[in-house]
Amino acid sequence: MDKDRIEGSAKQVSGKVKETVGKALGDAKLQADGKADVIKGKVQNAIGSLKDNLREVK
């Protein structure tokens, strides 16, 4: 498993937490930051998955 997949998953989780806390507190900026982190995490996870697949092909 590529480290990007691990870091991406962690980013998604922390982003979801930020988003939930932002929603609970009514903090639109924190909520938006959380959504952005989730998206970044998904992209990073996809890159890690691609790297894993390329290693398997070799």
PDB file of N, CA and C in Angstrom:
ATOM      1  N   MET A   1       0.852  -1.172   0.000  1.00  0.00           N
ATOM      2  CA  MET A   1       0.000   0.000   0.000  1.00  0.00           C
ATOM      3  C   MET A   1       0.897   1.234   0.000  1.00  0.00           C
ATOM      4  N   ASP A   2       0.596   2.134  -0.897  1.00  0.00           N
ATOM      5  CA  ASP A   2       1.381   3.348  -1.044  1.00  0.00           C
ATOM      6  C   ASP A   2       1.091   4.328   0.094  1.00  0.00           C
ATOM      7  N   LYS A   3       2.111   5.075   0.492  1.00  0.00           N
ATOM      8  CA  LYS A   3       1.935   6.030   1.597  1.00  0.00           C
ATOM      9  C   LYS A   3       0.924   7.119   1.247  1.00  0.00           C
ATOM     10  N   ASP A   4       0.768   7.421  -0.051  1.00  0.00           N
ATOM     11  CA  ASP A   4      -0.225   8.424  -0.442  1.00  0.00           C
ATOM     12  C   ASP A   4      -1.641   7.958  -0.124  1.00  0.00           C
ATOM     13  N   ARG A   5      -1.871   6.667  -0.232  1.00  0.00           N
ATOM     14  CA  ARG A   5      -3.203   6.140   0.101  1.00  0.00           C
ATOM     15  C   ARG A   5      -3.488   6.298   1.588  1.00  0.00           C
ATOM     16  N   ILE A   6      -2.471   6.038   2.405  1.00  0.00           N
ATOM     17  CA  ILE A   6      -2.639   6.164   3.855  1.00  0.00           C
ATOM     18  C   ILE A   6      -2.858   7.620   4.244  1.00  0.00           C
ATOM     19  N   GLU A   7      -2.009   8.495   3.713  1.00  0.00           N
ATOM     20  CA  GLU A   7      -2.132   9.915   4.037  1.00  0.00           C
ATOM     21  C   GLU A   7      -3.441  10.488   3.494  1.00  0.00           C
ATOM     22  N   GLY A   8      -3.847  10.043   2.309  1.00  0.00           N
ATOM     23  CA  GLY A   8      -5.106  10.512   1.732  1.00  0.00           C
ATOM     24  C   GLY A   8      -6.298  10.112   2.577  1.00  0.00           C
ATOM     25  N   SER A   9      -6.278   8.887   3.056  1.00  0.00           N
ATOM     26  CA  SER A   9      -7.379   8.419   3.916  1.00  0.00           C
ATOM     27  C   SER A   9      -7.419   9.214   5.219  1.00  0.00           C
ATOM     28  N   ALA A  10      -6.252   9.483   5.779  1.00  0.00           N
ATOM     29  CA  ALA A  10      -6.186  10.267   7.019  1.00  0.00           C
ATOM     30  C   ALA A  10      -6.712  11.685   6.782  1.00  0.00           C
ATOM     31  N   LYS A  11      -6.379  12.258   5.638  1.00  0.00           N
ATOM     32  CA  LYS A  11      -6.852  13.603   5.303  1.00  0.00           C
ATOM     33  C   LYS A  11      -8.374  13.623   5.158  1.00  0.00           C
ATOM     34  N   GLN A  12      -8.918  12.559   4.577  1.00  0.00           N
ATOM     35  CA  GLN A  12     -10.370  12.479   4.418  1.00  0.00           C
ATOM     36  C   GLN A  12     -11.068  12.439   5.779  1.00  0.00           C
ATOM     37  N   VAL A  13     -10.515  11.649   6.682  1.00  0.00           N
ATOM     38  CA  VAL A  13     -11.114  11.525   8.014  1.00  0.00           C
ATOM     39  C   VAL A  13     -11.042  12.855   8.768  1.00  0.00           C
ATOM     40  N   SER A  14      -9.871  13.483   8.754  1.00  0.00           N
ATOM     41  CA  SER A  14      -9.742  14.752   9.484  1.00  0.00           C
ATOM     42  C   SER A  14     -10.604  15.833   8.831  1.00  0.00           C
ATOM     43  N   GLY A  15     -10.743  15.779   7.516  1.00  0.00           N
ATOM     44  CA  GLY A  15     -11.601  16.738   6.821  1.00  0.00           C
ATOM     45  C   GLY A  15     -13.057  16.568   7.214  1.00  0.00           C
ATOM     46  N   LYS A  16     -13.499  15.304   7.339  1.00  0.00           N
ATOM     47  CA  LYS A  16     -14.873  15.040   7.754  1.00  0.00           C
ATOM     48  C   LYS A  16     -15.119  15.558   9.171  1.00  0.00           C
ATOM     49  N   VAL A  17     -14.119  15.385  10.046  1.00  0.00           N
ATOM     50  CA  VAL A  17     -14.252  15.883  11.415  1.00  0.00           C
ATOM     51  C   VAL A  17     -14.374  17.403  11.405  1.00  0.00           C
ATOM     52  N   LYS A  18     -13.502  18.071  10.646  1.00  0.00           N
ATOM     53  CA  LYS A  18     -13.564  19.537  10.555  1.00  0.00           C
ATOM     54  C   LYS A  18     -14.917  19.986  10.025  1.00  0.00           C
ATOM     55  N   GLU A  19     -15.372  19.298   8.989  1.00  0.00           N
ATOM     56  CA  GLU A  19     -16.650  19.657   8.379  1.00  0.00           C
ATOM     57  C   GLU A  19     -17.800  19.523   9.382  1.00  0.00           C
ATOM     58  N   THR A  20     -17.803  18.439  10.127  1.00  0.00           N
ATOM     59  CA  THR A  20     -18.854  18.195  11.118  1.00  0.00           C
ATOM     60  C   THR A  20     -18.803  19.218  12.246  1.00  0.00           C
ATOM     61  N   VAL A  21     -17.598  19.499  12.741  1.00  0.00           N
ATOM     62  CA  VAL A  21     -17.449  20.492  13.812  1.00  0.00           C
ATOM     63  C   VAL A  21     -17.856  21.867  13.307  1.00  0.00           C
ATOM     64  N   GLY A  22     -17.440  22.202  12.091  1.00  0.00           N
ATOM     65  CA  GLY A  22     -17.821  23.490  11.512  1.00  0.00           C
ATOM     66  C   GLY A  22     -19.319  23.631  11.382  1.00  0.00           C
ATOM     67  N   LYS A  23     -19.981  22.551  10.980  1.00  0.00           N
ATOM     68  CA  LYS A  23     -21.437  22.568  10.845  1.00  0.00           C
ATOM     69  C   LYS A  23     -22.094  22.732  12.217  1.00  0.00           C
ATOM     70  N   ALA A  24     -21.580  22.015  13.211  1.00  0.00           N
ATOM     71  CA  ALA A  24     -22.148  22.072  14.560  1.00  0.00           C
ATOM     72  C   ALA A  24     -21.978  23.456  15.188  1.00  0.00           C
ATOM     73  N   LEU A  25     -20.838  24.081  14.911  1.00  0.00           N
ATOM     74  CA  LEU A  25     -20.558  25.396  15.496  1.00  0.00           C
ATOM     75  C   LEU A  25     -21.077  26.551  14.647  1.00  0.00           C
ATOM     76  N   GLY A  26     -21.534  26.239  13.452  1.00  0.00           N
ATOM     77  CA  GLY A  26     -21.988  27.295  12.551  1.00  0.00           C
ATOM     78  C   GLY A  26     -20.832  28.072  11.951  1.00  0.00           C
ATOM     79  N   ASP A  27     -19.660  27.439  11.873  1.00  0.00           N
ATOM     80  CA  ASP A  27     -18.458  28.074  11.331  1.00  0.00           C
ATOM     81  C   ASP A  27     -18.293  27.660   9.872  1.00  0.00           C
ATOM     82  N   ALA A  28     -18.716  28.539   8.966  1.00  0.00           N
ATOM     83  CA  ALA A  28     -18.707  28.222   7.541  1.00  0.00           C
ATOM     84  C   ALA A  28     -17.291  28.000   7.012  1.00  0.00           C
ATOM     85  N   LYS A  29     -16.313  28.752   7.533  1.00  0.00           N
ATOM     86  CA  LYS A  29     -14.936  28.603   7.064  1.00  0.00           C
ATOM     87  C   LYS A  29     -14.381  27.234   7.451  1.00  0.00           C
ATOM     88  N   LEU A  30     -14.594  26.823   8.679  1.00  0.00           N
ATOM     89  CA  LEU A  30     -14.119  25.515   9.137  1.00  0.00           C
ATOM     90  C   LEU A  30     -14.792  24.394   8.346  1.00  0.00           C
ATOM     91  N   GLN A  31     -16.064  24.570   8.081  1.00  0.00           N
ATOM     92  CA  GLN A  31     -16.807  23.583   7.305  1.00  0.00           C
ATOM     93  C   GLN A  31     -16.248  23.499   5.880  1.00  0.00           C
ATOM     94  N   ALA A  32     -15.967  24.635   5.263  1.00  0.00           N
ATOM     95  CA  ALA A  32     -15.407  24.658   3.912  1.00  0.00           C
ATOM     96  C   ALA A  32     -13.996  24.068   3.890  1.00  0.00           C
ATOM     97  N   ASP A  33     -13.204  24.377   4.911  1.00  0.00           N
ATOM     98  CA  ASP A  33     -11.860  23.797   5.009  1.00  0.00           C
ATOM     99  C   ASP A  33     -11.939  22.274   5.104  1.00  0.00           C
ATOM    100  N   GLY A  34     -12.909  21.792   5.859  1.00  0.00           N
ATOM    101  CA  GLY A  34     -13.099  20.352   5.992  1.00  0.00           C
ATOM    102  C   GLY A  34     -13.453  19.707   4.663  1.00  0.00           C
ATOM    103  N   LYS A  35     -14.351  20.331   3.913  1.00  0.00           N
ATOM    104  CA  LYS A  35     -14.727  19.806   2.599  1.00  0.00           C
ATOM    105  C   LYS A  35     -13.524  19.787   1.664  1.00  0.00           C
ATOM    106  N   ALA A  36     -12.722  20.841   1.720  1.00  0.00           N
ATOM    107  CA  ALA A  36     -11.525  20.908   0.875  1.00  0.00           C
ATOM    108  C   ALA A  36     -10.540  19.797   1.242  1.00  0.00           C
ATOM    109  N   ASP A  37     -10.379  19.541   2.531  1.00  0.00           N
ATOM    110  CA  ASP A  37      -9.480  18.468   2.975  1.00  0.00           C
ATOM    111  C   ASP A  37      -9.968  17.098   2.513  1.00  0.00           C
ATOM    112  N   VAL A  38     -11.280  16.900   2.534  1.00  0.00           N
ATOM    113  CA  VAL A  38     -11.838  15.629   2.067  1.00  0.00           C
ATOM    114  C   VAL A  38     -11.513  15.427   0.589  1.00  0.00           C
ATOM    115  N   ILE A  39     -11.684  16.476  -0.194  1.00  0.00           N
ATOM    116  CA  ILE A  39     -11.387  16.390  -1.632  1.00  0.00           C
ATOM    117  C   ILE A  39      -9.903  16.135  -1.863  1.00  0.00           C
ATOM    118  N   LYS A  40      -9.051  16.864  -1.144  1.00  0.00           N
ATOM    119  CA  LYS A  40      -7.602  16.644  -1.271  1.00  0.00           C
ATOM    120  C   LYS A  40      -7.234  15.211  -0.901  1.00  0.00           C
ATOM    121  N   GLY A  41      -7.863  14.697   0.136  1.00  0.00           N
ATOM    122  CA  GLY A  41      -7.607  13.331   0.572  1.00  0.00           C
ATOM    123  C   GLY A  41      -8.021  12.312  -0.481  1.00  0.00           C
ATOM    124  N   LYS A  42      -9.159  12.552  -1.122  1.00  0.00           N
ATOM    125  CA  LYS A  42      -9.622  11.648  -2.173  1.00  0.00           C
ATOM    126  C   LYS A  42      -8.654  11.645  -3.354  1.00  0.00           C
ATOM    127  N   VAL A  43      -8.172  12.824  -3.720  1.00  0.00           N
ATOM    128  CA  VAL A  43      -7.217  12.917  -4.832  1.00  0.00           C
ATOM    129  C   VAL A  43      -5.923  12.198  -4.467  1.00  0.00           C
ATOM    130  N   GLN A  44      -5.421  12.455  -3.280  1.00  0.00           N
ATOM    131  CA  GLN A  44      -4.175  11.822  -2.844  1.00  0.00           C
ATOM    132  C   GLN A  44      -4.340  10.300  -2.768  1.00  0.00           C
ATOM    133  N   ASN A  45      -5.485   9.848  -2.325  1.00  0.00           N
ATOM    134  CA  ASN A  45      -5.765   8.421  -2.246  1.00  0.00           C
ATOM    135  C   ASN A  45      -5.790   7.817  -3.647  1.00  0.00           C
ATOM    136  N   ALA A  46      -6.374   8.531  -4.595  1.00  0.00           N
ATOM    137  CA  ALA A  46      -6.429   8.043  -5.976  1.00  0.00           C
ATOM    138  C   ALA A  46      -5.029   7.954  -6.580  1.00  0.00           C
ATOM    139  N   ILE A  47      -4.191   8.921  -6.279  1.00  0.00           N
ATOM    140  CA  ILE A  47      -2.810   8.897  -6.769  1.00  0.00           C
ATOM    141  C   ILE A  47      -2.076   7.693  -6.192  1.00  0.00           C
ATOM    142  N   GLY A  48      -2.255   7.448  -4.913  1.00  0.00           N
ATOM    143  CA  GLY A  48      -1.635   6.286  -4.272  1.00  0.00           C
ATOM    144  C   GLY A  48      -2.119   4.979  -4.878  1.00  0.00           C
ATOM    145  N   SER A  49      -3.397   4.918  -5.192  1.00  0.00           N
ATOM    146  CA  SER A  49      -3.958   3.728  -5.817  1.00  0.00           C
ATOM    147  C   SER A  49      -3.354   3.509  -7.202  1.00  0.00           C
ATOM    148  N   LEU A  50      -3.196   4.583  -7.941  1.00  0.00           N
ATOM    149  CA  LEU A  50      -2.576   4.503  -9.265  1.00  0.00           C
ATOM    150  C   LEU A  50      -1.140   4.012  -9.151  1.00  0.00           C
ATOM    151  N   LYS A  51      -0.402   4.534  -8.176  1.00  0.00           N
ATOM    152  CA  LYS A  51       0.979   4.076  -7.959  1.00  0.00           C
ATOM    153  C   LYS A  51       1.024   2.589  -7.635  1.00  0.00           C
ATOM    154  N   ASP A  52       0.089   2.140  -6.780  1.00  0.00           N
ATOM    155  CA  ASP A  52       0.015   0.719  -6.442  1.00  0.00           C
ATOM    156  C   ASP A  52      -0.234  -0.130  -7.687  1.00  0.00           C
ATOM    157  N   ASN A  53      -1.169   0.313  -8.504  1.00  0.00           N
ATOM    158  CA  ASN A  53      -1.486  -0.430  -9.726  1.00  0.00           C
ATOM    159  C   ASN A  53      -0.305  -0.468 -10.677  1.00  0.00           C
ATOM    160  N   LEU A  54       0.444   0.616 -10.771  1.00  0.00           N
ATOM    161  CA  LEU A  54       1.617   0.630 -11.655  1.00  0.00           C
ATOM    162  C   LEU A  54       2.688  -0.316 -11.150  1.00  0.00           C
ATOM    163  N   ARG A  55       2.828  -0.426  -9.832  1.00  0.00           N
ATOM    164  CA  ARG A  55       3.809  -1.362  -9.275  1.00  0.00           C
ATOM    165  C   ARG A  55       3.425  -2.814  -9.571  1.00  0.00           C
ATOM    166  N   GLU A  56       2.129  -3.093  -9.559  1.00  0.00           N
ATOM    167  CA  GLU A  56       1.666  -4.452  -9.818  1.00  0.00           C
ATOM    168  C   GLU A  56       1.919  -4.866 -11.267  1.00  0.00           C
ATOM    169  N   VAL A  57       1.877  -3.904 -12.174  1.00  0.00           N
ATOM    170  CA  VAL A  57       2.061  -4.190 -13.597  1.00  0.00           C
ATOM    171  C   VAL A  57       3.497  -4.600 -13.879  1.00  0.00           C
ATOM    172  N   LYS A  58       4.436  -4.056 -13.129  1.00  0.00           N
ATOM    173  CA  LYS A  58       5.853  -4.336 -13.387  1.00  0.00           C
ATOM    174  C   LYS A  58       6.182  -5.748 -13.139  1.00  0.00           C
TER     175      LYS A  58
END
